[in-house]
């Protein structure tokens, strides 16, 4: 007989929890390309919060992380000089380029223009377990 009241209470608790879960706001709709570009423009130059989780590596050390996909790319305006600039940046959960830094330089003018260009690029973010994640990403800008 004691089992019946407990199971009724358990059922009532499940109903309350289920109703509360159903009333939660739905997942946000995916951003359009234009919305993502505008969001990244607002984030440009804003430092990352050090309290946030650190970026992941795509090389496999952090599990199965998909590669980001370029959505919008601003070509650099190289004038006169030729070379290749390799840049490492953090791509955040929105696909925005954050904290780019030169890994392999091609001269001061080329480096500055490559960074200026890459800061404006926008990606579909890297994914892990179906959720967007922040990753380190290496980008190469050529002027040949």
C-alpha atoms as a PDB file:
ATOM      1  CA  UNK A   1       0.000   0.000   0.000  1.00  0.00           C
ATOM      2  CA  UNK A   2       2.846   2.425   0.655  1.00  0.00           C
ATOM      3  CA  UNK A   3       4.044   2.081  -2.927  1.00  0.00           C
ATOM      4  CA  UNK A   4       0.869   3.626  -4.372  1.00  0.00           C
ATOM      5  CA  UNK A   5       1.245   7.085  -2.726  1.00  0.00           C
ATOM      6  CA  UNK A   6       4.921   7.233  -3.691  1.00  0.00           C
ATOM      7  CA  UNK A   7       4.185   6.385  -7.320  1.00  0.00           C
ATOM      8  CA  UNK A   8       1.416   9.021  -7.427  1.00  0.00           C
ATOM      9  CA  UNK A   9       3.817  11.617  -6.063  1.00  0.00           C
ATOM     10  CA  UNK A  10       6.456  10.517  -8.556  1.00  0.00           C
ATOM     11  CA  UNK A  11       3.945  10.810 -11.403  1.00  0.00           C
ATOM     12  CA  UNK A  12       2.921  14.282 -10.272  1.00  0.00           C
ATOM     13  CA  UNK A  13       6.556  15.354 -10.063  1.00  0.00           C
ATOM     14  CA  UNK A  14       7.176  14.054 -13.592  1.00  0.00           C
ATOM     15  CA  UNK A  15       4.172  15.979 -14.891  1.00  0.00           C
ATOM     16  CA  UNK A  16       5.375  19.210 -13.273  1.00  0.00           C
ATOM     17  CA  UNK A  17       8.924  18.752 -14.602  1.00  0.00           C
ATOM     18  CA  UNK A  18       7.644  17.880 -18.083  1.00  0.00           C
ATOM     19  CA  UNK A  19       5.397  20.945 -18.173  1.00  0.00           C
ATOM     20  CA  UNK A  20       8.233  23.216 -17.010  1.00  0.00           C
ATOM     21  CA  UNK A  21      10.534  21.750 -19.670  1.00  0.00           C
ATOM     22  CA  UNK A  22       7.910  22.238 -22.386  1.00  0.00           C
ATOM     23  CA  UNK A  23       7.503  25.915 -21.394  1.00  0.00           C
ATOM     24  CA  UNK A  24      11.197  26.686 -21.825  1.00  0.00           C
ATOM     25  CA  UNK A  25      12.010  28.888 -24.775  1.00  0.00           C
ATOM     26  CA  UNK A  26      12.728  27.032 -27.993  1.00  0.00           C
ATOM     27  CA  UNK A  27      16.236  26.844 -29.416  1.00  0.00           C
ATOM     28  CA  UNK A  28      17.167  30.031 -31.249  1.00  0.00           C
ATOM     29  CA  UNK A  29      16.740  29.974 -35.010  1.00  0.00           C
ATOM     30  CA  UNK A  30      19.990  29.677 -36.956  1.00  0.00           C
ATOM     31  CA  UNK A  31      21.465  32.978 -38.056  1.00  0.00           C
ATOM     32  CA  UNK A  32      21.234  33.970 -41.695  1.00  0.00           C
ATOM     33  CA  UNK A  33      24.451  34.839 -43.518  1.00  0.00           C
ATOM     34  CA  UNK A  34      23.678  38.578 -43.254  1.00  0.00           C
ATOM     35  CA  UNK A  35      22.835  38.325 -39.522  1.00  0.00           C
ATOM     36  CA  UNK A  36      26.061  36.409 -38.876  1.00  0.00           C
ATOM     37  CA  UNK A  37      28.115  39.024 -40.758  1.00  0.00           C
ATOM     38  CA  UNK A  38      26.508  41.874 -38.789  1.00  0.00           C
ATOM     39  CA  UNK A  39      27.093  40.046 -35.492  1.00  0.00           C
ATOM     40  CA  UNK A  40      30.768  39.525 -36.330  1.00  0.00           C
ATOM     41  CA  UNK A  41      31.172  43.197 -37.262  1.00  0.00           C
ATOM     42  CA  UNK A  42      29.952  44.114 -33.777  1.00  0.00           C
ATOM     43  CA  UNK A  43      32.425  41.694 -32.174  1.00  0.00           C
ATOM     44  CA  UNK A  44      35.426  42.925 -34.194  1.00  0.00           C
ATOM     45  CA  UNK A  45      38.134  44.175 -31.860  1.00  0.00           C
ATOM     46  CA  UNK A  46      36.294  43.092 -28.718  1.00  0.00           C
ATOM     47  CA  UNK A  47      38.552  40.848 -26.596  1.00  0.00           C
ATOM     48  CA  UNK A  48      37.388  37.401 -25.542  1.00  0.00           C
ATOM     49  CA  UNK A  49      36.335  36.927 -21.937  1.00  0.00           C
ATOM     50  CA  UNK A  50      39.090  35.010 -20.134  1.00  0.00           C
ATOM     51  CA  UNK A  51      36.466  33.267 -17.967  1.00  0.00           C
ATOM     52  CA  UNK A  52      34.981  31.539 -21.025  1.00  0.00           C
ATOM     53  CA  UNK A  53      35.968  28.008 -21.958  1.00  0.00           C
ATOM     54  CA  UNK A  54      39.242  27.793 -23.898  1.00  0.00           C
ATOM     55  CA  UNK A  55      39.167  27.170 -27.654  1.00  0.00           C
ATOM     56  CA  UNK A  56      39.449  23.583 -28.901  1.00  0.00           C
ATOM     57  CA  UNK A  57      41.930  22.176 -31.396  1.00  0.00           C
ATOM     58  CA  UNK A  58      40.584  20.611 -34.573  1.00  0.00           C
ATOM     59  CA  UNK A  59      43.540  18.203 -34.873  1.00  0.00           C
ATOM     60  CA  UNK A  60      41.752  15.464 -32.931  1.00  0.00           C
ATOM     61  CA  UNK A  61      43.150  16.149 -29.472  1.00  0.00           C
ATOM     62  CA  UNK A  62      39.764  17.523 -28.374  1.00  0.00           C
ATOM     63  CA  UNK A  63      37.597  14.799 -29.881  1.00  0.00           C
ATOM     64  CA  UNK A  64      35.602  14.973 -33.067  1.00  0.00           C
ATOM     65  CA  UNK A  65      35.385  18.654 -33.983  1.00  0.00           C
ATOM     66  CA  UNK A  66      34.171  19.568 -37.469  1.00  0.00           C
ATOM     67  CA  UNK A  67      35.983  22.207 -39.476  1.00  0.00           C
ATOM     68  CA  UNK A  68      34.434  25.651 -39.832  1.00  0.00           C
ATOM     69  CA  UNK A  69      33.213  26.662 -43.298  1.00  0.00           C
ATOM     70  CA  UNK A  70      33.916  30.075 -44.794  1.00  0.00           C
ATOM     71  CA  UNK A  71      30.758  32.126 -45.425  1.00  0.00           C
ATOM     72  CA  UNK A  72      32.130  35.569 -46.168  1.00  0.00           C
ATOM     73  CA  UNK A  73      35.632  36.575 -47.145  1.00  0.00           C
ATOM     74  CA  UNK A  74      37.119  40.024 -47.712  1.00  0.00           C
ATOM     75  CA  UNK A  75      40.154  39.869 -50.008  1.00  0.00           C
ATOM     76  CA  UNK A  76      43.224  41.727 -48.761  1.00  0.00           C
ATOM     77  CA  UNK A  77      44.348  44.850 -50.619  1.00  0.00           C
ATOM     78  CA  UNK A  78      47.997  44.049 -51.105  1.00  0.00           C
ATOM     79  CA  UNK A  79      49.855  46.809 -52.911  1.00  0.00           C
ATOM     80  CA  UNK A  80      53.097  45.962 -54.656  1.00  0.00           C
ATOM     81  CA  UNK A  81      54.513  43.336 -52.290  1.00  0.00           C
ATOM     82  CA  UNK A  82      54.219  39.600 -52.791  1.00  0.00           C
ATOM     83  CA  UNK A  83      54.211  36.849 -50.210  1.00  0.00           C
ATOM     84  CA  UNK A  84      52.251  34.531 -47.972  1.00  0.00           C
ATOM     85  CA  UNK A  85      50.991  35.284 -44.480  1.00  0.00           C
ATOM     86  CA  UNK A  86      49.961  32.479 -42.127  1.00  0.00           C
ATOM     87  CA  UNK A  87      47.646  33.555 -39.323  1.00  0.00           C
ATOM     88  CA  UNK A  88      46.239  31.675 -36.337  1.00  0.00           C
ATOM     89  CA  UNK A  89      42.939  32.973 -35.001  1.00  0.00           C
ATOM     90  CA  UNK A  90      40.192  31.890 -32.672  1.00  0.00           C
ATOM     91  CA  UNK A  91      36.874  31.275 -34.394  1.00  0.00           C
ATOM     92  CA  UNK A  92      34.139  31.693 -31.806  1.00  0.00           C
ATOM     93  CA  UNK A  93      30.799  29.894 -31.509  1.00  0.00           C
ATOM     94  CA  UNK A  94      29.216  32.402 -33.904  1.00  0.00           C
ATOM     95  CA  UNK A  95      31.883  31.902 -36.581  1.00  0.00           C
ATOM     96  CA  UNK A  96      33.566  35.250 -35.913  1.00  0.00           C
ATOM     97  CA  UNK A  97      37.347  35.665 -36.184  1.00  0.00           C
ATOM     98  CA  UNK A  98      38.832  36.703 -32.848  1.00  0.00           C
ATOM     99  CA  UNK A  99      42.401  37.472 -31.746  1.00  0.00           C
ATOM    100  CA  UNK A 100      44.267  36.814 -35.015  1.00  0.00           C
ATOM    101  CA  UNK A 101      48.052  36.605 -34.774  1.00  0.00           C
ATOM    102  CA  UNK A 102      50.705  36.135 -37.430  1.00  0.00           C
ATOM    103  CA  UNK A 103      52.508  32.774 -37.368  1.00  0.00           C
ATOM    104  CA  UNK A 104      54.538  33.217 -40.555  1.00  0.00           C
ATOM    105  CA  UNK A 105      55.076  36.754 -41.766  1.00  0.00           C
ATOM    106  CA  UNK A 106      55.726  38.160 -45.209  1.00  0.00           C
ATOM    107  CA  UNK A 107      56.644  41.691 -44.205  1.00  0.00           C
ATOM    108  CA  UNK A 108      55.031  44.354 -42.103  1.00  0.00           C
ATOM    109  CA  UNK A 109      52.665  45.744 -44.763  1.00  0.00           C
ATOM    110  CA  UNK A 110      51.472  42.319 -45.910  1.00  0.00           C
ATOM    111  CA  UNK A 111      50.963  41.140 -42.340  1.00  0.00           C
ATOM    112  CA  UNK A 112      48.876  44.170 -41.378  1.00  0.00           C
ATOM    113  CA  UNK A 113      46.675  43.902 -44.484  1.00  0.00           C
ATOM    114  CA  UNK A 114      46.220  40.141 -44.007  1.00  0.00           C
ATOM    115  CA  UNK A 115      45.123  40.656 -40.377  1.00  0.00           C
ATOM    116  CA  UNK A 116      42.782  43.489 -41.382  1.00  0.00           C
ATOM    117  CA  UNK A 117      41.227  41.271 -44.049  1.00  0.00           C
ATOM    118  CA  UNK A 118      40.933  38.120 -41.909  1.00  0.00           C
ATOM    119  CA  UNK A 119      39.250  40.021 -39.058  1.00  0.00           C
ATOM    120  CA  UNK A 120      36.316  40.592 -41.422  1.00  0.00           C
ATOM    121  CA  UNK A 121      35.925  36.956 -42.500  1.00  0.00           C
ATOM    122  CA  UNK A 122      32.898  35.054 -41.252  1.00  0.00           C
ATOM    123  CA  UNK A 123      32.502  31.286 -40.907  1.00  0.00           C
ATOM    124  CA  UNK A 124      29.892  28.713 -40.103  1.00  0.00           C
ATOM    125  CA  UNK A 125      31.281  27.657 -36.724  1.00  0.00           C
ATOM    126  CA  UNK A 126      33.075  24.413 -35.938  1.00  0.00           C
ATOM    127  CA  UNK A 127      30.767  21.832 -34.378  1.00  0.00           C
ATOM    128  CA  UNK A 128      31.218  19.251 -31.654  1.00  0.00           C
ATOM    129  CA  UNK A 129      28.386  16.921 -30.639  1.00  0.00           C
ATOM    130  CA  UNK A 130      25.942  19.021 -32.665  1.00  0.00           C
ATOM    131  CA  UNK A 131      26.824  22.297 -30.924  1.00  0.00           C
ATOM    132  CA  UNK A 132      28.967  25.208 -32.152  1.00  0.00           C
ATOM    133  CA  UNK A 133      32.327  25.482 -30.410  1.00  0.00           C
ATOM    134  CA  UNK A 134      35.213  27.932 -30.237  1.00  0.00           C
ATOM    135  CA  UNK A 135      38.359  26.669 -32.021  1.00  0.00           C
ATOM    136  CA  UNK A 136      41.874  27.671 -32.976  1.00  0.00           C
ATOM    137  CA  UNK A 137      42.134  27.885 -36.767  1.00  0.00           C
ATOM    138  CA  UNK A 138      45.069  28.520 -39.092  1.00  0.00           C
ATOM    139  CA  UNK A 139      44.393  30.687 -42.156  1.00  0.00           C
ATOM    140  CA  UNK A 140      46.719  31.433 -45.059  1.00  0.00           C
ATOM    141  CA  UNK A 141      46.588  34.567 -47.190  1.00  0.00           C
ATOM    142  CA  UNK A 142      48.587  34.510 -50.440  1.00  0.00           C
ATOM    143  CA  UNK A 143      49.638  37.358 -52.692  1.00  0.00           C
ATOM    144  CA  UNK A 144      51.463  35.924 -55.691  1.00  0.00           C
END
